[in-house]
Amino acid sequence: MPDYVNDGTVTSFALWNPADVGYLASYAAKALIEGDITGAEGDEFDGGKLGSYTVGADNIVLLGDPYVFDKDNIGDFNFG
């Protein structure tokens, strides 16, 4: 994607950190297994170093907003 951002084909794109997604998923699974949450909307659980989280509608837990890459910051990352 860096080539497309730099040449203007794409103005921006967004990604979540896959390590954080897996980390949070493991904490959510642990909370479910241990009975701390049921997966119902409004359930709250500890996400370790990521903080506390609340289960949303349709049993969804969102990590948060993804990081947005654009022409101003794309050069700060090594995608190779």
Protein backbone atom coordinates (compact mmCIF):
# COMPACT_ATOMS: atom_id res chain seq x y z
CA MET A 1 0.00 0.00 0.00
CA PRO A 2 2.82 2.52 0.57
CA ASP A 3 3.37 2.87 -3.19
CA TYR A 4 -0.32 3.62 -3.74
CA VAL A 5 -0.45 6.15 -0.92
CA ASN A 6 2.70 7.88 -2.10
CA ASP A 7 1.52 8.13 -5.73
CA GLY A 8 -1.94 9.38 -4.70
CA THR A 9 -3.95 6.34 -5.85
CA VAL A 10 -5.07 5.85 -2.25
CA THR A 11 -5.28 8.78 0.16
CA SER A 12 -5.37 6.64 3.30
CA PHE A 13 -6.09 3.19 4.70
CA ALA A 14 -6.58 1.81 8.18
CA LEU A 15 -5.37 -1.28 10.04
CA TRP A 16 -5.59 -2.68 13.53
CA ASN A 17 -2.47 -4.08 15.14
CA PRO A 18 -2.93 -7.87 14.73
CA ALA A 19 -0.99 -8.58 17.94
CA ASP A 20 -3.42 -6.37 19.90
CA VAL A 21 -6.44 -8.02 18.25
CA GLY A 22 -5.20 -11.48 19.30
CA TYR A 23 -4.25 -10.24 22.76
CA LEU A 24 -7.71 -8.78 23.36
CA ALA A 25 -9.42 -11.88 21.94
CA SER A 26 -7.54 -14.06 24.42
CA TYR A 27 -8.67 -11.88 27.34
CA ALA A 28 -12.26 -11.99 26.10
CA ALA A 29 -12.09 -15.78 25.74
CA LYS A 30 -10.61 -16.11 29.23
CA ALA A 31 -13.40 -13.95 30.67
CA LEU A 32 -16.00 -16.13 28.93
CA ILE A 33 -14.40 -19.40 30.07
CA GLU A 34 -14.11 -18.21 33.66
CA GLY A 35 -17.71 -16.96 33.67
CA ASP A 36 -16.78 -13.31 34.24
CA ILE A 37 -18.86 -12.39 31.19
CA THR A 38 -21.56 -14.13 29.18
CA GLY A 39 -21.01 -12.18 25.99
CA ALA A 40 -24.15 -10.14 26.57
CA GLU A 41 -24.24 -6.48 25.63
CA GLY A 42 -22.92 -4.40 28.51
CA ASP A 43 -20.67 -7.11 30.00
CA GLU A 44 -17.34 -5.64 31.06
CA PHE A 45 -13.98 -7.35 31.30
CA ASP A 46 -10.31 -6.60 31.80
CA GLY A 47 -8.25 -6.54 28.61
CA GLY A 48 -4.87 -6.61 30.36
CA LYS A 49 -2.46 -3.95 29.15
CA LEU A 50 -5.14 -2.69 26.73
CA GLY A 51 -7.49 -1.64 29.53
CA SER A 52 -11.11 -2.50 30.21
CA TYR A 53 -13.65 -3.34 27.53
CA THR A 54 -17.41 -3.60 27.22
CA VAL A 55 -19.26 -6.08 25.04
CA GLY A 56 -21.36 -4.22 22.50
CA ALA A 57 -24.46 -5.07 20.51
CA ASP A 58 -24.46 -8.45 18.79
CA ASN A 59 -21.75 -9.73 21.18
CA ILE A 60 -19.08 -7.55 19.54
CA VAL A 61 -15.97 -6.32 21.32
CA LEU A 62 -14.13 -3.57 19.45
CA LEU A 63 -10.42 -3.06 20.00
CA GLY A 64 -10.85 0.62 19.20
CA ASP A 65 -10.26 2.78 16.21
CA PRO A 66 -7.72 1.44 13.72
CA TYR A 67 -4.55 3.34 12.93
CA VAL A 68 -4.94 5.44 9.79
CA PHE A 69 -1.98 5.52 7.41
CA ASP A 70 -1.65 8.41 4.97
CA LYS A 71 1.00 10.31 3.02
CA ASP A 72 2.14 12.13 6.17
CA ASN A 73 2.98 8.99 8.16
CA ILE A 74 3.36 6.08 5.72
CA GLY A 75 7.14 6.55 5.54
CA ASP A 76 7.44 5.96 9.28
CA PHE A 77 6.66 2.25 8.88
CA ASN A 78 8.46 -0.71 7.32
CA PHE A 79 5.94 -2.83 5.44
CA GLY A 80 8.61 -4.92 3.74
